[in-house]
Amino acid sequence: MSNRPEAATVEGMPQYLLFHKHHPSECGVAFACFKGHSSPLRHQTTISSCLFGGHAIWWLINAQSSEHALALLPSFVAQRSTAVEVREVQIP
């Protein structure tokens, strides 16, 4: 593992991987609810498995805490999401 402190944070904030999962019937709602939610995640590119039947979305973001990270998501999405603190490591 790398013990480079700069790899753990960007601009002094922890990094979180947000993981959201929904049912296939909720796919449209998961995307549409961002329209009514002011978030820096809106209009940004991220990764999703929805088009392949997985119905999951991931974001890699910086936030003060897991609660702050989840607050970037609309309520419907946040209630079905987890925030895991992560950092880059070098694989030997």
PDB file of N, CA and C in Angstrom:
ATOM      1  N   MET A   1       0.829  -1.191   0.000  1.00  0.00           N
ATOM      2  CA  MET A   1       0.000   0.000   0.000  1.00  0.00           C
ATOM      3  C   MET A   1       0.870   1.248   0.000  1.00  0.00           C
ATOM      4  N   SER A   2       0.410   2.223  -0.676  1.00  0.00           N
ATOM      5  CA  SER A   2       1.092   3.507  -0.662  1.00  0.00           C
ATOM      6  C   SER A   2       0.721   4.246   0.613  1.00  0.00           C
ATOM      7  N   ASN A   3       1.680   4.862   1.228  1.00  0.00           N
ATOM      8  CA  ASN A   3       1.361   5.659   2.405  1.00  0.00           C
ATOM      9  C   ASN A   3       1.527   7.142   2.086  1.00  0.00           C
ATOM     10  N   ARG A   4       1.317   7.500   0.830  1.00  0.00           N
ATOM     11  CA  ARG A   4       1.367   8.896   0.421  1.00  0.00           C
ATOM     12  C   ARG A   4       0.101   9.588   0.904  1.00  0.00           C
ATOM     13  N   PRO A   5       0.189  10.526   1.844  1.00  0.00           N
ATOM     14  CA  PRO A   5      -1.026  11.175   2.344  1.00  0.00           C
ATOM     15  C   PRO A   5      -1.791  11.926   1.269  1.00  0.00           C
ATOM     16  N   GLU A   6      -1.099  12.454   0.253  1.00  0.00           N
ATOM     17  CA  GLU A   6      -1.813  13.188  -0.784  1.00  0.00           C
ATOM     18  C   GLU A   6      -2.713  12.272  -1.616  1.00  0.00           C
ATOM     19  N   ALA A   7      -2.452  10.980  -1.600  1.00  0.00           N
ATOM     20  CA  ALA A   7      -3.293  10.051  -2.349  1.00  0.00           C
ATOM     21  C   ALA A   7      -4.633   9.822  -1.651  1.00  0.00           C
ATOM     22  N   ALA A   8      -4.701  10.094  -0.360  1.00  0.00           N
ATOM     23  CA  ALA A   8      -5.910   9.833   0.401  1.00  0.00           C
ATOM     24  C   ALA A   8      -6.958  10.930   0.220  1.00  0.00           C
ATOM     25  N   THR A   9      -6.523  12.140  -0.025  1.00  0.00           N
ATOM     26  CA  THR A   9      -7.470  13.238  -0.098  1.00  0.00           C
ATOM     27  C   THR A   9      -7.150  14.144  -1.264  1.00  0.00           C
ATOM     28  N   VAL A  10      -8.135  14.883  -1.667  1.00  0.00           N
ATOM     29  CA  VAL A  10      -7.970  15.940  -2.653  1.00  0.00           C
ATOM     30  C   VAL A  10      -8.435  17.206  -1.968  1.00  0.00           C
ATOM     31  N   GLU A  11      -7.603  18.220  -1.997  1.00  0.00           N
ATOM     32  CA  GLU A  11      -7.936  19.482  -1.342  1.00  0.00           C
ATOM     33  C   GLU A  11      -8.247  19.280   0.137  1.00  0.00           C
ATOM     34  N   GLY A  12      -7.579  18.311   0.782  1.00  0.00           N
ATOM     35  CA  GLY A  12      -7.744  18.103   2.214  1.00  0.00           C
ATOM     36  C   GLY A  12      -9.015  17.398   2.641  1.00  0.00           C
ATOM     37  N   MET A  13      -9.812  16.919   1.699  1.00  0.00           N
ATOM     38  CA  MET A  13     -11.062  16.227   2.043  1.00  0.00           C
ATOM     39  C   MET A  13     -10.960  14.749   1.732  1.00  0.00           C
ATOM     40  N   PRO A  14     -11.597  13.925   2.568  1.00  0.00           N
ATOM     41  CA  PRO A  14     -11.631  12.488   2.263  1.00  0.00           C
ATOM     42  C   PRO A  14     -12.374  12.225   0.955  1.00  0.00           C
ATOM     43  N   GLN A  15     -12.065  11.092   0.369  1.00  0.00           N
ATOM     44  CA  GLN A  15     -12.702  10.680  -0.875  1.00  0.00           C
ATOM     45  C   GLN A  15     -13.654   9.526  -0.562  1.00  0.00           C
ATOM     46  N   TYR A  16     -14.815   9.545  -1.185  1.00  0.00           N
ATOM     47  CA  TYR A  16     -15.834   8.514  -0.966  1.00  0.00           C
ATOM     48  C   TYR A  16     -16.268   7.918  -2.292  1.00  0.00           C
ATOM     49  N   LEU A  17     -16.523   6.628  -2.252  1.00  0.00           N
ATOM     50  CA  LEU A  17     -17.170   5.954  -3.365  1.00  0.00           C
ATOM     51  C   LEU A  17     -18.627   5.790  -2.968  1.00  0.00           C
ATOM     52  N   LEU A  18     -19.508   6.457  -3.702  1.00  0.00           N
ATOM     53  CA  LEU A  18     -20.945   6.317  -3.466  1.00  0.00           C
ATOM     54  C   LEU A  18     -21.440   5.185  -4.348  1.00  0.00           C
ATOM     55  N   PHE A  19     -22.183   4.268  -3.743  1.00  0.00           N
ATOM     56  CA  PHE A  19     -22.725   3.125  -4.468  1.00  0.00           C
ATOM     57  C   PHE A  19     -24.236   3.142  -4.314  1.00  0.00           C
ATOM     58  N   HIS A  20     -24.916   3.216  -5.438  1.00  0.00           N
ATOM     59  CA  HIS A  20     -26.380   3.238  -5.451  1.00  0.00           C
ATOM     60  C   HIS A  20     -26.903   2.053  -6.249  1.00  0.00           C
ATOM     61  N   LYS A  21     -27.926   1.397  -5.727  1.00  0.00           N
ATOM     62  CA  LYS A  21     -28.552   0.263  -6.407  1.00  0.00           C
ATOM     63  C   LYS A  21     -30.060   0.467  -6.379  1.00  0.00           C
ATOM     64  N   HIS A  22     -30.709   0.209  -7.505  1.00  0.00           N
ATOM     65  CA  HIS A  22     -32.168   0.309  -7.577  1.00  0.00           C
ATOM     66  C   HIS A  22     -32.723  -0.844  -8.412  1.00  0.00           C
ATOM     67  N   HIS A  23     -34.021  -1.042  -8.323  1.00  0.00           N
ATOM     68  CA  HIS A  23     -34.702  -2.065  -9.116  1.00  0.00           C
ATOM     69  C   HIS A  23     -34.849  -1.570 -10.555  1.00  0.00           C
ATOM     70  N   PRO A  24     -34.935  -2.486 -11.507  1.00  0.00           N
ATOM     71  CA  PRO A  24     -35.103  -2.073 -12.907  1.00  0.00           C
ATOM     72  C   PRO A  24     -36.289  -1.129 -13.118  1.00  0.00           C
ATOM     73  N   SER A  25     -37.363  -1.339 -12.390  1.00  0.00           N
ATOM     74  CA  SER A  25     -38.541  -0.483 -12.540  1.00  0.00           C
ATOM     75  C   SER A  25     -38.325   0.924 -11.978  1.00  0.00           C
ATOM     76  N   GLU A  26     -37.259   1.126 -11.204  1.00  0.00           N
ATOM     77  CA  GLU A  26     -36.973   2.430 -10.596  1.00  0.00           C
ATOM     78  C   GLU A  26     -35.895   3.214 -11.348  1.00  0.00           C
ATOM     79  N   CYS A  27     -35.421   2.677 -12.437  1.00  0.00           N
ATOM     80  CA  CYS A  27     -34.324   3.291 -13.180  1.00  0.00           C
ATOM     81  C   CYS A  27     -34.647   4.730 -13.588  1.00  0.00           C
ATOM     82  N   GLY A  28     -35.786   4.941 -14.187  1.00  0.00           N
ATOM     83  CA  GLY A  28     -36.173   6.281 -14.619  1.00  0.00           C
ATOM     84  C   GLY A  28     -36.248   7.263 -13.464  1.00  0.00           C
ATOM     85  N   VAL A  29     -36.784   6.821 -12.341  1.00  0.00           N
ATOM     86  CA  VAL A  29     -36.905   7.672 -11.156  1.00  0.00           C
ATOM     87  C   VAL A  29     -35.524   8.046 -10.624  1.00  0.00           C
ATOM     88  N   ALA A  30     -34.607   7.087 -10.606  1.00  0.00           N
ATOM     89  CA  ALA A  30     -33.261   7.337 -10.082  1.00  0.00           C
ATOM     90  C   ALA A  30     -32.569   8.465 -10.846  1.00  0.00           C
ATOM     91  N   PHE A  31     -32.769   8.513 -12.145  1.00  0.00           N
ATOM     92  CA  PHE A  31     -32.148   9.570 -12.944  1.00  0.00           C
ATOM     93  C   PHE A  31     -32.967  10.858 -12.903  1.00  0.00           C
ATOM     94  N   ALA A  32     -34.275  10.747 -12.992  1.00  0.00           N
ATOM     95  CA  ALA A  32     -35.141  11.927 -13.052  1.00  0.00           C
ATOM     96  C   ALA A  32     -35.121  12.739 -11.762  1.00  0.00           C
ATOM     97  N   CYS A  33     -34.938  12.095 -10.625  1.00  0.00           N
ATOM     98  CA  CYS A  33     -35.006  12.843  -9.358  1.00  0.00           C
ATOM     99  C   CYS A  33     -33.863  13.845  -9.203  1.00  0.00           C
ATOM    100  N   PHE A  34     -32.813  13.731 -10.001  1.00  0.00           N
ATOM    101  CA  PHE A  34     -31.745  14.730  -9.959  1.00  0.00           C
ATOM    102  C   PHE A  34     -32.226  16.081 -10.475  1.00  0.00           C
ATOM    103  N   LYS A  35     -33.275  16.089 -11.314  1.00  0.00           N
ATOM    104  CA  LYS A  35     -33.789  17.344 -11.862  1.00  0.00           C
ATOM    105  C   LYS A  35     -34.295  18.274 -10.773  1.00  0.00           C
ATOM    106  N   GLY A  36     -34.809  17.739  -9.701  1.00  0.00           N
ATOM    107  CA  GLY A  36     -35.331  18.557  -8.606  1.00  0.00           C
ATOM    108  C   GLY A  36     -34.371  18.698  -7.445  1.00  0.00           C
ATOM    109  N   HIS A  37     -33.109  18.338  -7.642  1.00  0.00           N
ATOM    110  CA  HIS A  37     -32.125  18.365  -6.547  1.00  0.00           C
ATOM    111  C   HIS A  37     -30.891  19.143  -6.983  1.00  0.00           C
ATOM    112  N   SER A  38     -30.571  20.193  -6.244  1.00  0.00           N
ATOM    113  CA  SER A  38     -29.376  20.974  -6.553  1.00  0.00           C
ATOM    114  C   SER A  38     -28.156  20.214  -6.033  1.00  0.00           C
ATOM    115  N   SER A  39     -27.302  19.790  -6.952  1.00  0.00           N
ATOM    116  CA  SER A  39     -26.137  18.996  -6.582  1.00  0.00           C
ATOM    117  C   SER A  39     -25.027  19.208  -7.600  1.00  0.00           C
ATOM    118  N   PRO A  40     -23.769  19.237  -7.136  1.00  0.00           N
ATOM    119  CA  PRO A  40     -22.664  19.323  -8.093  1.00  0.00           C
ATOM    120  C   PRO A  40     -22.523  18.049  -8.929  1.00  0.00           C
ATOM    121  N   LEU A  41     -23.244  17.000  -8.585  1.00  0.00           N
ATOM    122  CA  LEU A  41     -23.202  15.764  -9.362  1.00  0.00           C
ATOM    123  C   LEU A  41     -24.071  15.837 -10.616  1.00  0.00           C
ATOM    124  N   ARG A  42     -24.995  16.796 -10.638  1.00  0.00           N
ATOM    125  CA  ARG A  42     -25.853  16.966 -11.816  1.00  0.00           C
ATOM    126  C   ARG A  42     -25.040  17.356 -13.028  1.00  0.00           C
ATOM    127  N   HIS A  43     -25.412  16.835 -14.163  1.00  0.00           N
ATOM    128  CA  HIS A  43     -24.778  17.134 -15.449  1.00  0.00           C
ATOM    129  C   HIS A  43     -23.320  16.677 -15.506  1.00  0.00           C
ATOM    130  N   GLN A  44     -22.936  15.745 -14.632  1.00  0.00           N
ATOM    131  CA  GLN A  44     -21.584  15.194 -14.625  1.00  0.00           C
ATOM    132  C   GLN A  44     -21.617  13.755 -15.128  1.00  0.00           C
ATOM    133  N   THR A  45     -20.517  13.286 -15.613  1.00  0.00           N
ATOM    134  CA  THR A  45     -20.404  11.906 -16.066  1.00  0.00           C
ATOM    135  C   THR A  45     -19.996  11.017 -14.893  1.00  0.00           C
ATOM    136  N   THR A  46     -20.585   9.837 -14.820  1.00  0.00           N
ATOM    137  CA  THR A  46     -20.202   8.833 -13.830  1.00  0.00           C
ATOM    138  C   THR A  46     -20.382   7.469 -14.477  1.00  0.00           C
ATOM    139  N   ILE A  47     -20.270   6.411 -13.707  1.00  0.00           N
ATOM    140  CA  ILE A  47     -20.426   5.071 -14.285  1.00  0.00           C
ATOM    141  C   ILE A  47     -21.689   4.403 -13.745  1.00  0.00           C
ATOM    142  N   SER A  48     -22.287   3.588 -14.596  1.00  0.00           N
ATOM    143  CA  SER A  48     -23.546   2.924 -14.275  1.00  0.00           C
ATOM    144  C   SER A  48     -23.602   1.574 -14.983  1.00  0.00           C
ATOM    145  N   SER A  49     -24.357   0.662 -14.400  1.00  0.00           N
ATOM    146  CA  SER A  49     -24.571  -0.634 -15.048  1.00  0.00           C
ATOM    147  C   SER A  49     -26.006  -0.789 -15.538  1.00  0.00           C
ATOM    148  N   CYS A  50     -26.781   0.288 -15.512  1.00  0.00           N
ATOM    149  CA  CYS A  50     -28.199   0.222 -15.878  1.00  0.00           C
ATOM    150  C   CYS A  50     -28.425  -0.316 -17.284  1.00  0.00           C
ATOM    151  N   LEU A  51     -27.634   0.115 -18.233  1.00  0.00           N
ATOM    152  CA  LEU A  51     -27.838  -0.326 -19.619  1.00  0.00           C
ATOM    153  C   LEU A  51     -27.521  -1.804 -19.811  1.00  0.00           C
ATOM    154  N   PHE A  52     -26.871  -2.410 -18.827  1.00  0.00           N
ATOM    155  CA  PHE A  52     -26.492  -3.826 -18.919  1.00  0.00           C
ATOM    156  C   PHE A  52     -27.270  -4.688 -17.928  1.00  0.00           C
ATOM    157  N   GLY A  53     -28.302  -4.118 -17.287  1.00  0.00           N
ATOM    158  CA  GLY A  53     -29.160  -4.871 -16.384  1.00  0.00           C
ATOM    159  C   GLY A  53     -28.743  -4.879 -14.929  1.00  0.00           C
ATOM    160  N   GLY A  54     -27.659  -4.203 -14.586  1.00  0.00           N
ATOM    161  CA  GLY A  54     -27.176  -4.202 -13.193  1.00  0.00           C
ATOM    162  C   GLY A  54     -27.866  -3.196 -12.304  1.00  0.00           C
ATOM    163  N   HIS A  55     -28.327  -2.086 -12.865  1.00  0.00           N
ATOM    164  CA  HIS A  55     -29.056  -1.036 -12.166  1.00  0.00           C
ATOM    165  C   HIS A  55     -28.336  -0.547 -10.916  1.00  0.00           C
ATOM    166  N   ALA A  56     -27.081  -0.169 -11.124  1.00  0.00           N
ATOM    167  CA  ALA A  56     -26.260   0.428 -10.080  1.00  0.00           C
ATOM    168  C   ALA A  56     -25.532   1.628 -10.671  1.00  0.00           C
ATOM    169  N   ILE A  57     -25.243   2.591  -9.800  1.00  0.00           N
ATOM    170  CA  ILE A  57     -24.512   3.797 -10.192  1.00  0.00           C
ATOM    171  C   ILE A  57     -23.440   4.041  -9.145  1.00  0.00           C
ATOM    172  N   TRP A  58     -22.257   4.475  -9.599  1.00  0.00           N
ATOM    173  CA  TRP A  58     -21.148   4.780  -8.700  1.00  0.00           C
ATOM    174  C   TRP A  58     -20.653   6.187  -8.966  1.00  0.00           C
ATOM    175  N   TRP A  59     -20.289   6.896  -7.901  1.00  0.00           N
ATOM    176  CA  TRP A  59     -19.656   8.206  -7.989  1.00  0.00           C
ATOM    177  C   TRP A  59     -18.425   8.188  -7.100  1.00  0.00           C
ATOM    178  N   LEU A  60     -17.357   8.809  -7.526  1.00  0.00           N
ATOM    179  CA  LEU A  60     -16.171   9.004  -6.717  1.00  0.00           C
ATOM    180  C   LEU A  60     -16.111  10.499  -6.419  1.00  0.00           C
ATOM    181  N   ILE A  61     -16.295  10.851  -5.141  1.00  0.00           N
ATOM    182  CA  ILE A  61     -16.417  12.268  -4.796  1.00  0.00           C
ATOM    183  C   ILE A  61     -15.582  12.593  -3.557  1.00  0.00           C
ATOM    184  N   ASN A  62     -15.381  13.879  -3.335  1.00  0.00           N
ATOM    185  CA  ASN A  62     -14.721  14.374  -2.124  1.00  0.00           C
ATOM    186  C   ASN A  62     -15.773  15.017  -1.251  1.00  0.00           C
ATOM    187  N   ALA A  63     -15.734  14.711   0.043  1.00  0.00           N
ATOM    188  CA  ALA A  63     -16.691  15.290   0.982  1.00  0.00           C
ATOM    189  C   ALA A  63     -16.100  15.238   2.383  1.00  0.00           C
ATOM    190  N   GLN A  64     -16.652  16.041   3.280  1.00  0.00           N
ATOM    191  CA  GLN A  64     -16.165  16.100   4.658  1.00  0.00           C
ATOM    192  C   GLN A  64     -16.461  14.822   5.434  1.00  0.00           C
ATOM    193  N   SER A  65     -17.547  14.141   5.092  1.00  0.00           N
ATOM    194  CA  SER A  65     -17.955  12.928   5.811  1.00  0.00           C
ATOM    195  C   SER A  65     -18.857  12.104   4.900  1.00  0.00           C
ATOM    196  N   SER A  66     -19.164  10.890   5.335  1.00  0.00           N
ATOM    197  CA  SER A  66     -20.078  10.065   4.543  1.00  0.00           C
ATOM    198  C   SER A  66     -21.468  10.695   4.482  1.00  0.00           C
ATOM    199  N   GLU A  67     -21.872  11.364   5.558  1.00  0.00           N
ATOM    200  CA  GLU A  67     -23.171  12.038   5.566  1.00  0.00           C
ATOM    201  C   GLU A  67     -23.206  13.168   4.541  1.00  0.00           C
ATOM    202  N   HIS A  68     -22.112  13.944   4.475  1.00  0.00           N
ATOM    203  CA  HIS A  68     -22.039  15.017   3.479  1.00  0.00           C
ATOM    204  C   HIS A  68     -22.027  14.440   2.062  1.00  0.00           C
ATOM    205  N   ALA A  69     -21.365  13.325   1.892  1.00  0.00           N
ATOM    206  CA  ALA A  69     -21.312  12.686   0.575  1.00  0.00           C
ATOM    207  C   ALA A  69     -22.710  12.267   0.133  1.00  0.00           C
ATOM    208  N   LEU A  70     -23.442  11.621   1.015  1.00  0.00           N
ATOM    209  CA  LEU A  70     -24.795  11.167   0.677  1.00  0.00           C
ATOM    210  C   LEU A  70     -25.752  12.336   0.459  1.00  0.00           C
ATOM    211  N   ALA A  71     -25.485  13.475   1.106  1.00  0.00           N
ATOM    212  CA  ALA A  71     -26.340  14.649   0.944  1.00  0.00           C
ATOM    213  C   ALA A  71     -26.254  15.230  -0.470  1.00  0.00           C
ATOM    214  N   LEU A  72     -25.239  14.833  -1.241  1.00  0.00           N
ATOM    215  CA  LEU A  72     -25.132  15.291  -2.626  1.00  0.00           C
ATOM    216  C   LEU A  72     -26.155  14.602  -3.524  1.00  0.00           C
ATOM    217  N   LEU A  73     -26.767  13.551  -3.018  1.00  0.00           N
ATOM    218  CA  LEU A  73     -27.732  12.769  -3.805  1.00  0.00           C
ATOM    219  C   LEU A  73     -29.158  13.146  -3.452  1.00  0.00           C
ATOM    220  N   PRO A  74     -30.079  13.059  -4.410  1.00  0.00           N
ATOM    221  CA  PRO A  74     -31.500  13.233  -4.086  1.00  0.00           C
ATOM    222  C   PRO A  74     -31.930  12.162  -3.080  1.00  0.00           C
ATOM    223  N   SER A  75     -32.940  12.453  -2.316  1.00  0.00           N
ATOM    224  CA  SER A  75     -33.393  11.559  -1.246  1.00  0.00           C
ATOM    225  C   SER A  75     -33.634  10.125  -1.730  1.00  0.00           C
ATOM    226  N   PHE A  76     -34.331   9.974  -2.844  1.00  0.00           N
ATOM    227  CA  PHE A  76     -34.624   8.634  -3.370  1.00  0.00           C
ATOM    228  C   PHE A  76     -33.337   7.849  -3.603  1.00  0.00           C
ATOM    229  N   VAL A  77     -32.335   8.498  -4.174  1.00  0.00           N
ATOM    230  CA  VAL A  77     -31.069   7.840  -4.482  1.00  0.00           C
ATOM    231  C   VAL A  77     -30.265   7.611  -3.195  1.00  0.00           C
ATOM    232  N   ALA A  78     -30.196   8.622  -2.334  1.00  0.00           N
ATOM    233  CA  ALA A  78     -29.416   8.529  -1.093  1.00  0.00           C
ATOM    234  C   ALA A  78     -29.909   7.401  -0.193  1.00  0.00           C
ATOM    235  N   GLN A  79     -31.217   7.206  -0.126  1.00  0.00           N
ATOM    236  CA  GLN A  79     -31.785   6.151   0.728  1.00  0.00           C
ATOM    237  C   GLN A  79     -31.403   4.757   0.252  1.00  0.00           C
ATOM    238  N   ARG A  80     -30.983   4.630  -0.981  1.00  0.00           N
ATOM    239  CA  ARG A  80     -30.602   3.336  -1.557  1.00  0.00           C
ATOM    240  C   ARG A  80     -29.102   3.279  -1.837  1.00  0.00           C
ATOM    241  N   SER A  81     -28.337   4.130  -1.139  1.00  0.00           N
ATOM    242  CA  SER A  81     -26.908   4.250  -1.409  1.00  0.00           C
ATOM    243  C   SER A  81     -26.070   4.059  -0.155  1.00  0.00           C
ATOM    244  N   THR A  82     -24.805   3.738  -0.387  1.00  0.00           N
ATOM    245  CA  THR A  82     -23.817   3.692   0.688  1.00  0.00           C
ATOM    246  C   THR A  82     -22.632   4.557   0.275  1.00  0.00           C
ATOM    247  N   ALA A  83     -21.954   5.100   1.273  1.00  0.00           N
ATOM    248  CA  ALA A  83     -20.751   5.906   1.045  1.00  0.00           C
ATOM    249  C   ALA A  83     -19.602   5.226   1.781  1.00  0.00           C
ATOM    250  N   VAL A  84     -18.572   4.864   1.028  1.00  0.00           N
ATOM    251  CA  VAL A  84     -17.411   4.187   1.599  1.00  0.00           C
ATOM    252  C   VAL A  84     -16.196   5.077   1.387  1.00  0.00           C
ATOM    253  N   GLU A  85     -15.484   5.382   2.472  1.00  0.00           N
ATOM    254  CA  GLU A  85     -14.272   6.188   2.325  1.00  0.00           C
ATOM    255  C   GLU A  85     -13.202   5.343   1.649  1.00  0.00           C
ATOM    256  N   VAL A  86     -12.559   5.922   0.647  1.00  0.00           N
ATOM    257  CA  VAL A  86     -11.552   5.211  -0.144  1.00  0.00           C
ATOM    258  C   VAL A  86     -10.344   6.112  -0.357  1.00  0.00           C
ATOM    259  N   ARG A  87      -9.275   5.509  -0.790  1.00  0.00           N
ATOM    260  CA  ARG A  87      -8.099   6.254  -1.226  1.00  0.00           C
ATOM    261  C   ARG A  87      -7.338   5.428  -2.231  1.00  0.00           C
ATOM    262  N   GLU A  88      -6.558   6.096  -3.037  1.00  0.00           N
ATOM    263  CA  GLU A  88      -5.759   5.388  -4.017  1.00  0.00           C
ATOM    264  C   GLU A  88      -4.613   4.677  -3.321  1.00  0.00           C
ATOM    265  N   VAL A  89      -4.341   3.477  -3.778  1.00  0.00           N
ATOM    266  CA  VAL A  89      -3.190   2.713  -3.300  1.00  0.00           C
ATOM    267  C   VAL A  89      -2.469   2.150  -4.513  1.00  0.00           C
ATOM    268  N   GLN A  90      -1.207   1.924  -4.356  1.00  0.00           N
ATOM    269  CA  GLN A  90      -0.435   1.325  -5.439  1.00  0.00           C
ATOM    270  C   GLN A  90      -0.366  -0.176  -5.206  1.00  0.00           C
ATOM    271  N   ILE A  91      -0.758  -0.924  -6.190  1.00  0.00           N
ATOM    272  CA  ILE A  91      -0.721  -2.381  -6.112  1.00  0.00           C
ATOM    273  C   ILE A  91       0.693  -2.840  -6.499  1.00  0.00           C
ATOM    274  N   PRO A  92       1.339  -3.608  -5.622  1.00  0.00           N
ATOM    275  CA  PRO A  92       2.710  -4.042  -5.927  1.00  0.00           C
ATOM    276  C   PRO A  92       2.752  -5.041  -7.076  1.00  0.00           C
TER     277      PRO A  92
END
